[in-house]
PDB file of N, CA and C in Angstrom:
ATOM      1  N   UNK A   1      14.293 -12.732 -73.688  1.00  0.00           N
ATOM      2  CA  UNK A   1      15.453 -12.967 -72.830  1.00  0.00           C
ATOM      3  C   UNK A   1      16.078 -11.634 -72.451  1.00  0.00           C
ATOM      4  N   UNK A   2      16.508 -11.537 -71.205  1.00  0.00           N
ATOM      5  CA  UNK A   2      17.130 -10.309 -70.730  1.00  0.00           C
ATOM      6  C   UNK A   2      18.530 -10.167 -71.291  1.00  0.00           C
ATOM      7  N   UNK A   3      19.011  -8.954 -71.253  1.00  0.00           N
ATOM      8  CA  UNK A   3      20.389  -8.696 -71.653  1.00  0.00           C
ATOM      9  C   UNK A   3      21.188  -8.344 -70.415  1.00  0.00           C
ATOM     10  N   UNK A   4      22.479  -8.256 -70.578  1.00  0.00           N
ATOM     11  CA  UNK A   4      23.326  -7.884 -69.445  1.00  0.00           C
ATOM     12  C   UNK A   4      23.066  -6.468 -68.975  1.00  0.00           C
ATOM     13  N   UNK A   5      22.320  -5.696 -69.742  1.00  0.00           N
ATOM     14  CA  UNK A   5      22.066  -4.294 -69.417  1.00  0.00           C
ATOM     15  C   UNK A   5      20.735  -4.110 -68.693  1.00  0.00           C
ATOM     16  N   UNK A   6      20.128  -5.191 -68.230  1.00  0.00           N
ATOM     17  CA  UNK A   6      18.880  -5.078 -67.490  1.00  0.00           C
ATOM     18  C   UNK A   6      19.139  -4.289 -66.215  1.00  0.00           C
ATOM     19  N   UNK A   7      18.295  -3.301 -65.985  1.00  0.00           N
ATOM     20  CA  UNK A   7      18.431  -2.470 -64.795  1.00  0.00           C
ATOM     21  C   UNK A   7      17.269  -2.779 -63.870  1.00  0.00           C
ATOM     22  N   UNK A   8      17.585  -3.170 -62.648  1.00  0.00           N
ATOM     23  CA  UNK A   8      16.559  -3.460 -61.661  1.00  0.00           C
ATOM     24  C   UNK A   8      16.526  -2.368 -60.619  1.00  0.00           C
ATOM     25  N   UNK A   9      15.330  -2.128 -60.095  1.00  0.00           N
ATOM     26  CA  UNK A   9      15.148  -1.216 -58.969  1.00  0.00           C
ATOM     27  C   UNK A   9      14.632  -2.055 -57.815  1.00  0.00           C
ATOM     28  N   UNK A  10      15.084  -1.720 -56.631  1.00  0.00           N
ATOM     29  CA  UNK A  10      14.759  -2.507 -55.454  1.00  0.00           C
ATOM     30  C   UNK A  10      14.068  -1.625 -54.424  1.00  0.00           C
ATOM     31  N   UNK A  11      12.914  -2.074 -53.961  1.00  0.00           N
ATOM     32  CA  UNK A  11      12.156  -1.381 -52.918  1.00  0.00           C
ATOM     33  C   UNK A  11      12.170  -2.301 -51.700  1.00  0.00           C
ATOM     34  N   UNK A  12      12.847  -1.879 -50.634  1.00  0.00           N
ATOM     35  CA  UNK A  12      13.040  -2.731 -49.453  1.00  0.00           C
ATOM     36  C   UNK A  12      12.228  -2.216 -48.268  1.00  0.00           C
ATOM     37  N   UNK A  13      11.828  -3.161 -47.400  1.00  0.00           N
ATOM     38  CA  UNK A  13      11.131  -2.830 -46.162  1.00  0.00           C
ATOM     39  C   UNK A  13      11.613  -3.767 -45.067  1.00  0.00           C
ATOM     40  N   UNK A  14      11.685  -3.259 -43.860  1.00  0.00           N
ATOM     41  CA  UNK A  14      12.049  -4.093 -42.715  1.00  0.00           C
ATOM     42  C   UNK A  14      10.889  -5.025 -42.399  1.00  0.00           C
ATOM     43  N   UNK A  15      11.197  -6.112 -41.723  1.00  0.00           N
ATOM     44  CA  UNK A  15      10.159  -7.039 -41.273  1.00  0.00           C
ATOM     45  C   UNK A  15      10.160  -7.074 -39.753  1.00  0.00           C
ATOM     46  N   UNK A  16       9.375  -7.965 -39.194  1.00  0.00           N
ATOM     47  CA  UNK A  16       9.319  -8.105 -37.740  1.00  0.00           C
ATOM     48  C   UNK A  16      10.436  -8.985 -37.196  1.00  0.00           C
ATOM     49  N   UNK A  17      11.316  -9.482 -38.067  1.00  0.00           N
ATOM     50  CA  UNK A  17      12.437 -10.314 -37.665  1.00  0.00           C
ATOM     51  C   UNK A  17      13.734  -9.527 -37.777  1.00  0.00           C
ATOM     52  N   UNK A  18      14.651  -9.792 -36.876  1.00  0.00           N
ATOM     53  CA  UNK A  18      15.948  -9.134 -36.889  1.00  0.00           C
ATOM     54  C   UNK A  18      16.705  -9.510 -38.160  1.00  0.00           C
ATOM     55  N   UNK A  19      17.283  -8.513 -38.810  1.00  0.00           N
ATOM     56  CA  UNK A  19      18.137  -8.701 -39.984  1.00  0.00           C
ATOM     57  C   UNK A  19      17.435  -9.394 -41.162  1.00  0.00           C
ATOM     58  N   UNK A  20      16.133  -9.193 -41.287  1.00  0.00           N
ATOM     59  CA  UNK A  20      15.365  -9.763 -42.392  1.00  0.00           C
ATOM     60  C   UNK A  20      14.570  -8.649 -43.056  1.00  0.00           C
ATOM     61  N   UNK A  21      14.614  -8.623 -44.373  1.00  0.00           N
ATOM     62  CA  UNK A  21      13.946  -7.580 -45.146  1.00  0.00           C
ATOM     63  C   UNK A  21      13.106  -8.200 -46.258  1.00  0.00           C
ATOM     64  N   UNK A  22      12.059  -7.500 -46.654  1.00  0.00           N
ATOM     65  CA  UNK A  22      11.251  -7.887 -47.813  1.00  0.00           C
ATOM     66  C   UNK A  22      11.604  -6.925 -48.928  1.00  0.00           C
ATOM     67  N   UNK A  23      11.535  -7.412 -50.148  1.00  0.00           N
ATOM     68  CA  UNK A  23      11.864  -6.555 -51.273  1.00  0.00           C
ATOM     69  C   UNK A  23      10.972  -6.813 -52.467  1.00  0.00           C
ATOM     70  N   UNK A  24      10.762  -5.776 -53.218  1.00  0.00           N
ATOM     71  CA  UNK A  24      10.059  -5.868 -54.492  1.00  0.00           C
ATOM     72  C   UNK A  24      11.041  -5.397 -55.557  1.00  0.00           C
ATOM     73  N   UNK A  25      11.242  -6.230 -56.560  1.00  0.00           N
ATOM     74  CA  UNK A  25      12.171  -5.912 -57.640  1.00  0.00           C
ATOM     75  C   UNK A  25      11.351  -5.526 -58.865  1.00  0.00           C
ATOM     76  N   UNK A  26      11.704  -4.387 -59.457  1.00  0.00           N
ATOM     77  CA  UNK A  26      11.055  -3.952 -60.694  1.00  0.00           C
ATOM     78  C   UNK A  26      12.131  -3.689 -61.739  1.00  0.00           C
ATOM     79  N   UNK A  27      11.726  -3.655 -62.993  1.00  0.00           N
ATOM     80  CA  UNK A  27      12.678  -3.311 -64.047  1.00  0.00           C
ATOM     81  C   UNK A  27      12.693  -1.807 -64.241  1.00  0.00           C
ATOM     82  N   UNK A  28      13.490  -1.332 -65.191  1.00  0.00           N
ATOM     83  CA  UNK A  28      13.611   0.122 -65.373  1.00  0.00           C
ATOM     84  C   UNK A  28      12.329   0.764 -65.887  1.00  0.00           C
ATOM     85  N   UNK A  29      11.360  -0.046 -66.337  1.00  0.00           N
ATOM     86  CA  UNK A  29      10.055   0.476 -66.771  1.00  0.00           C
ATOM     87  C   UNK A  29       9.051   0.487 -65.623  1.00  0.00           C
ATOM     88  N   UNK A  30       9.463  -0.014 -64.456  1.00  0.00           N
ATOM     89  CA  UNK A  30       8.573  -0.058 -63.306  1.00  0.00           C
ATOM     90  C   UNK A  30       7.726  -1.314 -63.235  1.00  0.00           C
ATOM     91  N   UNK A  31       7.948  -2.270 -64.149  1.00  0.00           N
ATOM     92  CA  UNK A  31       7.184  -3.512 -64.159  1.00  0.00           C
ATOM     93  C   UNK A  31       7.710  -4.462 -63.076  1.00  0.00           C
ATOM     94  N   UNK A  32       6.786  -5.172 -62.442  1.00  0.00           N
ATOM     95  CA  UNK A  32       7.127  -6.148 -61.409  1.00  0.00           C
ATOM     96  C   UNK A  32       8.008  -7.249 -61.988  1.00  0.00           C
ATOM     97  N   UNK A  33       9.077  -7.602 -61.250  1.00  0.00           N
ATOM     98  CA  UNK A  33       9.967  -8.688 -61.647  1.00  0.00           C
ATOM     99  C   UNK A  33       9.969  -9.792 -60.594  1.00  0.00           C
ATOM    100  N   UNK A  34      10.065  -9.419 -59.306  1.00  0.00           N
ATOM    101  CA  UNK A  34      10.157 -10.451 -58.269  1.00  0.00           C
ATOM    102  C   UNK A  34       9.816  -9.894 -56.893  1.00  0.00           C
ATOM    103  N   UNK A  35       9.420 -10.824 -56.018  1.00  0.00           N
ATOM    104  CA  UNK A  35       9.270 -10.544 -54.592  1.00  0.00           C
ATOM    105  C   UNK A  35      10.342 -11.365 -53.894  1.00  0.00           C
ATOM    106  N   UNK A  36      11.118 -10.708 -53.037  1.00  0.00           N
ATOM    107  CA  UNK A  36      12.228 -11.395 -52.377  1.00  0.00           C
ATOM    108  C   UNK A  36      12.195 -11.160 -50.875  1.00  0.00           C
ATOM    109  N   UNK A  37      12.856 -12.046 -50.172  1.00  0.00           N
ATOM    110  CA  UNK A  37      13.122 -11.876 -48.744  1.00  0.00           C
ATOM    111  C   UNK A  37      14.638 -11.962 -48.609  1.00  0.00           C
ATOM    112  N   UNK A  38      15.229 -11.012 -47.897  1.00  0.00           N
ATOM    113  CA  UNK A  38      16.683 -10.963 -47.746  1.00  0.00           C
ATOM    114  C   UNK A  38      17.027 -11.114 -46.272  1.00  0.00           C
ATOM    115  N   UNK A  39      17.915 -12.058 -45.990  1.00  0.00           N
ATOM    116  CA  UNK A  39      18.360 -12.314 -44.620  1.00  0.00           C
ATOM    117  C   UNK A  39      19.860 -12.047 -44.555  1.00  0.00           C
ATOM    118  N   UNK A  40      20.251 -11.170 -43.643  1.00  0.00           N
ATOM    119  CA  UNK A  40      21.665 -10.814 -43.497  1.00  0.00           C
ATOM    120  C   UNK A  40      22.397 -11.905 -42.734  1.00  0.00           C
ATOM    121  N   UNK A  41      23.458 -12.427 -43.325  1.00  0.00           N
ATOM    122  CA  UNK A  41      24.313 -13.415 -42.660  1.00  0.00           C
ATOM    123  C   UNK A  41      25.462 -12.689 -41.990  1.00  0.00           C
ATOM    124  N   UNK A  42      25.275 -12.360 -40.719  1.00  0.00           N
ATOM    125  CA  UNK A  42      26.255 -11.566 -39.978  1.00  0.00           C
ATOM    126  C   UNK A  42      27.095 -12.485 -39.100  1.00  0.00           C
ATOM    127  N   UNK A  43      28.395 -12.552 -39.353  1.00  0.00           N
ATOM    128  CA  UNK A  43      29.252 -13.416 -38.520  1.00  0.00           C
ATOM    129  C   UNK A  43      29.324 -12.911 -37.079  1.00  0.00           C
ATOM    130  N   UNK A  44      29.544 -13.847 -36.180  1.00  0.00           N
ATOM    131  CA  UNK A  44      29.770 -13.464 -34.795  1.00  0.00           C
ATOM    132  C   UNK A  44      31.068 -12.664 -34.689  1.00  0.00           C
ATOM    133  N   UNK A  45      31.125 -11.810 -33.716  1.00  0.00           N
ATOM    134  CA  UNK A  45      32.344 -11.061 -33.447  1.00  0.00           C
ATOM    135  C   UNK A  45      33.440 -12.048 -33.036  1.00  0.00           C
ATOM    136  N   UNK A  46      34.661 -11.772 -33.423  1.00  0.00           N
ATOM    137  CA  UNK A  46      35.788 -12.677 -33.106  1.00  0.00           C
ATOM    138  C   UNK A  46      35.947 -12.903 -31.609  1.00  0.00           C
ATOM    139  N   UNK A  47      35.507 -11.953 -30.783  1.00  0.00           N
ATOM    140  CA  UNK A  47      35.618 -12.129 -29.337  1.00  0.00           C
ATOM    141  C   UNK A  47      34.616 -13.162 -28.812  1.00  0.00           C
ATOM    142  N   UNK A  48      33.639 -13.539 -29.632  1.00  0.00           N
ATOM    143  CA  UNK A  48      32.598 -14.483 -29.205  1.00  0.00           C
ATOM    144  C   UNK A  48      32.856 -15.914 -29.668  1.00  0.00           C
ATOM    145  N   UNK A  49      33.964 -16.152 -30.343  1.00  0.00           N
ATOM    146  CA  UNK A  49      34.251 -17.491 -30.862  1.00  0.00           C
ATOM    147  C   UNK A  49      35.623 -17.947 -30.361  1.00  0.00           C
ATOM    148  N   UNK A  50      35.877 -19.253 -30.367  1.00  0.00           N
ATOM    149  CA  UNK A  50      37.197 -19.737 -29.953  1.00  0.00           C
ATOM    150  C   UNK A  50      38.301 -19.180 -30.853  1.00  0.00           C
ATOM    151  N   UNK A  51      39.499 -19.096 -30.315  1.00  0.00           N
ATOM    152  CA  UNK A  51      40.631 -18.560 -31.062  1.00  0.00           C
ATOM    153  C   UNK A  51      40.900 -19.333 -32.352  1.00  0.00           C
ATOM    154  N   UNK A  52      40.635 -20.616 -32.342  1.00  0.00           N
ATOM    155  CA  UNK A  52      40.920 -21.434 -33.525  1.00  0.00           C
ATOM    156  C   UNK A  52      39.736 -21.542 -34.500  1.00  0.00           C
ATOM    157  N   UNK A  53      38.683 -20.781 -34.262  1.00  0.00           N
ATOM    158  CA  UNK A  53      37.526 -20.803 -35.173  1.00  0.00           C
ATOM    159  C   UNK A  53      37.919 -20.186 -36.517  1.00  0.00           C
ATOM    160  N   UNK A  54      37.406 -20.734 -37.602  1.00  0.00           N
ATOM    161  CA  UNK A  54      37.738 -20.161 -38.914  1.00  0.00           C
ATOM    162  C   UNK A  54      37.125 -18.767 -39.070  1.00  0.00           C
ATOM    163  N   UNK A  55      37.767 -17.959 -39.881  1.00  0.00           N
ATOM    164  CA  UNK A  55      37.206 -16.640 -40.180  1.00  0.00           C
ATOM    165  C   UNK A  55      36.196 -16.794 -41.292  1.00  0.00           C
ATOM    166  N   UNK A  56      35.040 -16.158 -41.129  1.00  0.00           N
ATOM    167  CA  UNK A  56      33.990 -16.224 -42.138  1.00  0.00           C
ATOM    168  C   UNK A  56      33.623 -14.814 -42.568  1.00  0.00           C
ATOM    169  N   UNK A  57      32.982 -14.723 -43.704  1.00  0.00           N
ATOM    170  CA  UNK A  57      32.597 -13.414 -44.230  1.00  0.00           C
ATOM    171  C   UNK A  57      31.085 -13.256 -44.195  1.00  0.00           C
ATOM    172  N   UNK A  58      30.657 -12.019 -44.189  1.00  0.00           N
ATOM    173  CA  UNK A  58      29.229 -11.706 -44.230  1.00  0.00           C
ATOM    174  C   UNK A  58      28.674 -12.028 -45.613  1.00  0.00           C
ATOM    175  N   UNK A  59      27.394 -12.388 -45.658  1.00  0.00           N
ATOM    176  CA  UNK A  59      26.744 -12.709 -46.929  1.00  0.00           C
ATOM    177  C   UNK A  59      25.257 -12.400 -46.832  1.00  0.00           C
ATOM    178  N   UNK A  60      24.556 -12.502 -47.941  1.00  0.00           N
ATOM    179  CA  UNK A  60      23.109 -12.296 -47.992  1.00  0.00           C
ATOM    180  C   UNK A  60      22.435 -13.567 -48.486  1.00  0.00           C
ATOM    181  N   UNK A  61      21.390 -13.986 -47.797  1.00  0.00           N
ATOM    182  CA  UNK A  61      20.532 -15.060 -48.284  1.00  0.00           C
ATOM    183  C   UNK A  61      19.343 -14.384 -48.959  1.00  0.00           C
ATOM    184  N   UNK A  62      19.104 -14.715 -50.219  1.00  0.00           N
ATOM    185  CA  UNK A  62      18.011 -14.113 -50.981  1.00  0.00           C
ATOM    186  C   UNK A  62      17.011 -15.211 -51.328  1.00  0.00           C
ATOM    187  N   UNK A  63      15.825 -15.139 -50.718  1.00  0.00           N
ATOM    188  CA  UNK A  63      14.756 -16.074 -51.029  1.00  0.00           C
ATOM    189  C   UNK A  63      13.871 -15.430 -52.086  1.00  0.00           C
ATOM    190  N   UNK A  64      13.867 -15.985 -53.275  1.00  0.00           N
ATOM    191  CA  UNK A  64      13.025 -15.455 -54.346  1.00  0.00           C
ATOM    192  C   UNK A  64      11.672 -16.138 -54.191  1.00  0.00           C
ATOM    193  N   UNK A  65      10.696 -15.401 -53.650  1.00  0.00           N
ATOM    194  CA  UNK A  65       9.400 -15.982 -53.333  1.00  0.00           C
ATOM    195  C   UNK A  65       8.483 -16.046 -54.546  1.00  0.00           C
ATOM    196  N   UNK A  66       8.675 -15.129 -55.466  1.00  0.00           N
ATOM    197  CA  UNK A  66       7.847 -15.075 -56.671  1.00  0.00           C
ATOM    198  C   UNK A  66       8.635 -14.280 -57.702  1.00  0.00           C
ATOM    199  N   UNK A  67       8.546 -14.678 -58.963  1.00  0.00           N
ATOM    200  CA  UNK A  67       9.297 -13.953 -59.993  1.00  0.00           C
ATOM    201  C   UNK A  67       8.690 -14.197 -61.364  1.00  0.00           C
ATOM    202  N   UNK A  68       8.938 -13.250 -62.243  1.00  0.00           N
ATOM    203  CA  UNK A  68       8.478 -13.363 -63.626  1.00  0.00           C
ATOM    204  C   UNK A  68       9.620 -13.749 -64.557  1.00  0.00           C
ATOM    205  N   UNK A  69      10.775 -14.069 -64.014  1.00  0.00           N
ATOM    206  CA  UNK A  69      11.946 -14.400 -64.833  1.00  0.00           C
ATOM    207  C   UNK A  69      11.829 -15.823 -65.381  1.00  0.00           C
ATOM    208  N   UNK A  70      12.554 -16.068 -66.433  1.00  0.00           N
ATOM    209  CA  UNK A  70      12.615 -17.410 -67.015  1.00  0.00           C
ATOM    210  C   UNK A  70      14.004 -17.990 -66.748  1.00  0.00           C
ATOM    211  N   UNK A  71      14.171 -19.255 -67.080  1.00  0.00           N
ATOM    212  CA  UNK A  71      15.482 -19.898 -66.893  1.00  0.00           C
ATOM    213  C   UNK A  71      16.559 -19.170 -67.689  1.00  0.00           C
ATOM    214  N   UNK A  72      16.202 -18.628 -68.854  1.00  0.00           N
ATOM    215  CA  UNK A  72      17.177 -17.896 -69.667  1.00  0.00           C
ATOM    216  C   UNK A  72      17.617 -16.591 -69.015  1.00  0.00           C
ATOM    217  N   UNK A  73      16.769 -16.041 -68.150  1.00  0.00           N
ATOM    218  CA  UNK A  73      17.059 -14.763 -67.486  1.00  0.00           C
ATOM    219  C   UNK A  73      17.782 -14.928 -66.148  1.00  0.00           C
ATOM    220  N   UNK A  74      17.888 -16.156 -65.680  1.00  0.00           N
ATOM    221  CA  UNK A  74      18.328 -16.410 -64.319  1.00  0.00           C
ATOM    222  C   UNK A  74      19.709 -15.844 -63.986  1.00  0.00           C
ATOM    223  N   UNK A  75      20.694 -16.099 -64.798  1.00  0.00           N
ATOM    224  CA  UNK A  75      22.056 -15.627 -64.496  1.00  0.00           C
ATOM    225  C   UNK A  75      22.151 -14.109 -64.482  1.00  0.00           C
ATOM    226  N   UNK A  76      21.526 -13.478 -65.455  1.00  0.00           N
ATOM    227  CA  UNK A  76      21.542 -12.009 -65.507  1.00  0.00           C
ATOM    228  C   UNK A  76      20.790 -11.437 -64.315  1.00  0.00           C
ATOM    229  N   UNK A  77      19.649 -12.045 -63.976  1.00  0.00           N
ATOM    230  CA  UNK A  77      18.858 -11.605 -62.827  1.00  0.00           C
ATOM    231  C   UNK A  77      19.692 -11.674 -61.548  1.00  0.00           C
ATOM    232  N   UNK A  78      20.312 -12.813 -61.291  1.00  0.00           N
ATOM    233  CA  UNK A  78      21.100 -12.975 -60.071  1.00  0.00           C
ATOM    234  C   UNK A  78      22.313 -12.056 -60.039  1.00  0.00           C
ATOM    235  N   UNK A  79      22.995 -11.917 -61.152  1.00  0.00           N
ATOM    236  CA  UNK A  79      24.185 -11.056 -61.194  1.00  0.00           C
ATOM    237  C   UNK A  79      23.822  -9.599 -60.931  1.00  0.00           C
ATOM    238  N   UNK A  80      22.799  -9.113 -61.630  1.00  0.00           N
ATOM    239  CA  UNK A  80      22.419  -7.709 -61.472  1.00  0.00           C
ATOM    240  C   UNK A  80      21.801  -7.430 -60.112  1.00  0.00           C
ATOM    241  N   UNK A  81      20.963  -8.359 -59.623  1.00  0.00           N
ATOM    242  CA  UNK A  81      20.356  -8.161 -58.308  1.00  0.00           C
ATOM    243  C   UNK A  81      21.403  -8.266 -57.204  1.00  0.00           C
ATOM    244  N   UNK A  82      22.374  -9.158 -57.354  1.00  0.00           N
ATOM    245  CA  UNK A  82      23.466  -9.256 -56.375  1.00  0.00           C
ATOM    246  C   UNK A  82      24.211  -7.937 -56.262  1.00  0.00           C
ATOM    247  N   UNK A  83      24.568  -7.366 -57.395  1.00  0.00           N
ATOM    248  CA  UNK A  83      25.273  -6.078 -57.381  1.00  0.00           C
ATOM    249  C   UNK A  83      24.453  -5.021 -56.642  1.00  0.00           C
ATOM    250  N   UNK A  84      23.172  -4.979 -56.918  1.00  0.00           N
ATOM    251  CA  UNK A  84      22.287  -3.995 -56.298  1.00  0.00           C
ATOM    252  C   UNK A  84      22.171  -4.228 -54.790  1.00  0.00           C
ATOM    253  N   UNK A  85      21.935  -5.467 -54.391  1.00  0.00           N
ATOM    254  CA  UNK A  85      21.793  -5.785 -52.964  1.00  0.00           C
ATOM    255  C   UNK A  85      23.085  -5.552 -52.190  1.00  0.00           C
ATOM    256  N   UNK A  86      24.209  -5.998 -52.745  1.00  0.00           N
ATOM    257  CA  UNK A  86      25.486  -5.843 -52.044  1.00  0.00           C
ATOM    258  C   UNK A  86      25.844  -4.373 -51.853  1.00  0.00           C
ATOM    259  N   UNK A  87      25.454  -3.543 -52.790  1.00  0.00           N
ATOM    260  CA  UNK A  87      25.704  -2.104 -52.676  1.00  0.00           C
ATOM    261  C   UNK A  87      24.740  -1.461 -51.695  1.00  0.00           C
ATOM    262  N   UNK A  88      23.456  -1.788 -51.815  1.00  0.00           N
ATOM    263  CA  UNK A  88      22.430  -1.131 -51.004  1.00  0.00           C
ATOM    264  C   UNK A  88      22.499  -1.530 -49.525  1.00  0.00           C
ATOM    265  N   UNK A  89      22.865  -2.755 -49.227  1.00  0.00           N
ATOM    266  CA  UNK A  89      22.854  -3.214 -47.836  1.00  0.00           C
ATOM    267  C   UNK A  89      24.204  -3.114 -47.141  1.00  0.00           C
ATOM    268  N   UNK A  90      25.199  -2.626 -47.833  1.00  0.00           N
ATOM    269  CA  UNK A  90      26.536  -2.458 -47.260  1.00  0.00           C
ATOM    270  C   UNK A  90      26.538  -1.268 -46.292  1.00  0.00           C
ATOM    271  N   UNK A  91      27.281  -1.431 -45.211  1.00  0.00           N
ATOM    272  CA  UNK A  91      27.445  -0.334 -44.249  1.00  0.00           C
ATOM    273  C   UNK A  91      28.848  -0.421 -43.666  1.00  0.00           C
ATOM    274  N   UNK A  92      29.151   0.474 -42.750  1.00  0.00           N
ATOM    275  CA  UNK A  92      30.460   0.439 -42.098  1.00  0.00           C
ATOM    276  C   UNK A  92      30.649  -0.830 -41.281  1.00  0.00           C
ATOM    277  N   UNK A  93      29.532  -1.429 -40.828  1.00  0.00           N
ATOM    278  CA  UNK A  93      29.604  -2.583 -39.934  1.00  0.00           C
ATOM    279  C   UNK A  93      29.236  -3.887 -40.612  1.00  0.00           C
ATOM    280  N   UNK A  94      28.671  -3.816 -41.812  1.00  0.00           N
ATOM    281  CA  UNK A  94      28.233  -5.014 -42.523  1.00  0.00           C
ATOM    282  C   UNK A  94      28.700  -4.933 -43.965  1.00  0.00           C
ATOM    283  N   UNK A  95      29.642  -5.802 -44.319  1.00  0.00           N
ATOM    284  CA  UNK A  95      30.216  -5.791 -45.662  1.00  0.00           C
ATOM    285  C   UNK A  95      30.040  -7.168 -46.313  1.00  0.00           C
ATOM    286  N   UNK A  96      28.817  -7.448 -46.808  1.00  0.00           N
ATOM    287  CA  UNK A  96      28.587  -8.760 -47.417  1.00  0.00           C
ATOM    288  C   UNK A  96      29.411  -8.934 -48.685  1.00  0.00           C
ATOM    289  N   UNK A  97      29.900 -10.146 -48.900  1.00  0.00           N
ATOM    290  CA  UNK A  97      30.742 -10.414 -50.063  1.00  0.00           C
ATOM    291  C   UNK A  97      30.011 -11.120 -51.192  1.00  0.00           C
ATOM    292  N   UNK A  98      28.917 -11.815 -50.866  1.00  0.00           N
ATOM    293  CA  UNK A  98      28.203 -12.542 -51.904  1.00  0.00           C
ATOM    294  C   UNK A  98      26.755 -12.809 -51.481  1.00  0.00           C
ATOM    295  N   UNK A  99      25.968 -13.280 -52.423  1.00  0.00           N
ATOM    296  CA  UNK A  99      24.569 -13.632 -52.175  1.00  0.00           C
ATOM    297  C   UNK A  99      24.352 -15.110 -52.464  1.00  0.00           C
ATOM    298  N   UNK A 100      23.502 -15.731 -51.654  1.00  0.00           N
ATOM    299  CA  UNK A 100      23.040 -17.090 -51.906  1.00  0.00           C
ATOM    300  C   UNK A 100      21.574 -16.967 -52.317  1.00  0.00           C
ATOM    301  N   UNK A 101      21.226 -17.414 -53.512  1.00  0.00           N
ATOM    302  CA  UNK A 101      19.849 -17.347 -53.984  1.00  0.00           C
ATOM    303  C   UNK A 101      19.155 -18.688 -53.785  1.00  0.00           C
ATOM    304  N   UNK A 102      17.897 -18.629 -53.349  1.00  0.00           N
ATOM    305  CA  UNK A 102      17.069 -19.812 -53.184  1.00  0.00           C
ATOM    306  C   UNK A 102      15.719 -19.557 -53.840  1.00  0.00           C
ATOM    307  N   UNK A 103      15.182 -20.582 -54.473  1.00  0.00           N
ATOM    308  CA  UNK A 103      13.921 -20.485 -55.194  1.00  0.00           C
ATOM    309  C   UNK A 103      12.969 -21.560 -54.686  1.00  0.00           C
ATOM    310  N   UNK A 104      11.663 -21.282 -54.730  1.00  0.00           N
ATOM    311  CA  UNK A 104      10.712 -22.317 -54.304  1.00  0.00           C
ATOM    312  C   UNK A 104      10.718 -23.491 -55.279  1.00  0.00           C
ATOM    313  N   UNK A 105      10.473 -24.677 -54.751  1.00  0.00           N
ATOM    314  CA  UNK A 105      10.356 -25.852 -55.611  1.00  0.00           C
ATOM    315  C   UNK A 105       8.935 -25.919 -56.151  1.00  0.00           C
ATOM    316  N   UNK A 106       8.781 -26.233 -57.413  1.00  0.00           N
ATOM    317  CA  UNK A 106       7.427 -26.354 -57.973  1.00  0.00           C
ATOM    318  C   UNK A 106       6.655 -27.462 -57.247  1.00  0.00           C
ATOM    319  N   UNK A 107       5.376 -27.249 -56.926  1.00  0.00           N
ATOM    320  CA  UNK A 107       4.592 -28.265 -56.204  1.00  0.00           C
ATOM    321  C   UNK A 107       4.591 -29.628 -56.904  1.00  0.00           C
ATOM    322  N   UNK A 108       4.589 -29.650 -58.235  1.00  0.00           N
ATOM    323  CA  UNK A 108       4.582 -30.923 -58.954  1.00  0.00           C
ATOM    324  C   UNK A 108       5.849 -31.717 -58.657  1.00  0.00           C
ATOM    325  N   UNK A 109       6.988 -31.038 -58.565  1.00  0.00           N
ATOM    326  CA  UNK A 109       8.245 -31.712 -58.268  1.00  0.00           C
ATOM    327  C   UNK A 109       8.235 -32.284 -56.857  1.00  0.00           C
ATOM    328  N   UNK A 110       7.726 -31.515 -55.915  1.00  0.00           N
ATOM    329  CA  UNK A 110       7.652 -31.992 -54.527  1.00  0.00           C
ATOM    330  C   UNK A 110       6.721 -33.192 -54.421  1.00  0.00           C
ATOM    331  N   UNK A 111       5.593 -33.171 -55.128  1.00  0.00           N
ATOM    332  CA  UNK A 111       4.650 -34.281 -55.094  1.00  0.00           C
ATOM    333  C   UNK A 111       5.292 -35.545 -55.679  1.00  0.00           C
ATOM    334  N   UNK A 112       6.070 -35.378 -56.748  1.00  0.00           N
ATOM    335  CA  UNK A 112       6.762 -36.516 -57.351  1.00  0.00           C
ATOM    336  C   UNK A 112       7.753 -37.149 -56.377  1.00  0.00           C
ATOM    337  N   UNK A 113       8.341 -36.333 -55.552  1.00  0.00           N
ATOM    338  CA  UNK A 113       9.343 -36.829 -54.597  1.00  0.00           C
ATOM    339  C   UNK A 113       8.703 -37.267 -53.282  1.00  0.00           C
ATOM    340  N   UNK A 114       7.380 -37.299 -53.233  1.00  0.00           N
ATOM    341  CA  UNK A 114       6.624 -37.733 -52.051  1.00  0.00           C
ATOM    342  C   UNK A 114       6.934 -36.889 -50.815  1.00  0.00           C
ATOM    343  N   UNK A 115       7.251 -35.622 -51.028  1.00  0.00           N
ATOM    344  CA  UNK A 115       7.528 -34.747 -49.882  1.00  0.00           C
ATOM    345  C   UNK A 115       6.243 -34.082 -49.386  1.00  0.00           C
ATOM    346  N   UNK A 116       5.239 -34.039 -50.254  1.00  0.00           N
ATOM    347  CA  UNK A 116       3.950 -33.484 -49.867  1.00  0.00           C
ATOM    348  C   UNK A 116       2.959 -34.624 -49.698  1.00  0.00           C
ATOM    349  N   UNK A 117       2.098 -34.504 -48.715  1.00  0.00           N
ATOM    350  CA  UNK A 117       1.102 -35.570 -48.551  1.00  0.00           C
ATOM    351  C   UNK A 117      -0.288 -35.028 -48.801  1.00  0.00           C
TER     352      UNK A 117
END
């Protein structure tokens, strides 16, 4: 089980889609931890929305495509990776406040729910 002191390193690359990045997460020993896709949730400029539209904040969608973490490591993984992503992807024009993590559903679970044919 990981500790709160787990240090992750993030190697990011742009993709062919606007505001979408691929990432490889490693631990402080250089061992593979996860493959992720990060999508920037950039709000529209206030001039592009009606005056009564609610104000929203920028965020990151993190698709964890593959990982070596266990359920016991999940909270520490998300907390530490969130800190890293929010710091690394912040700029003068993009100030994300939080991350939304998504994980693939196991094929057995999907088959049980009759979602796969």
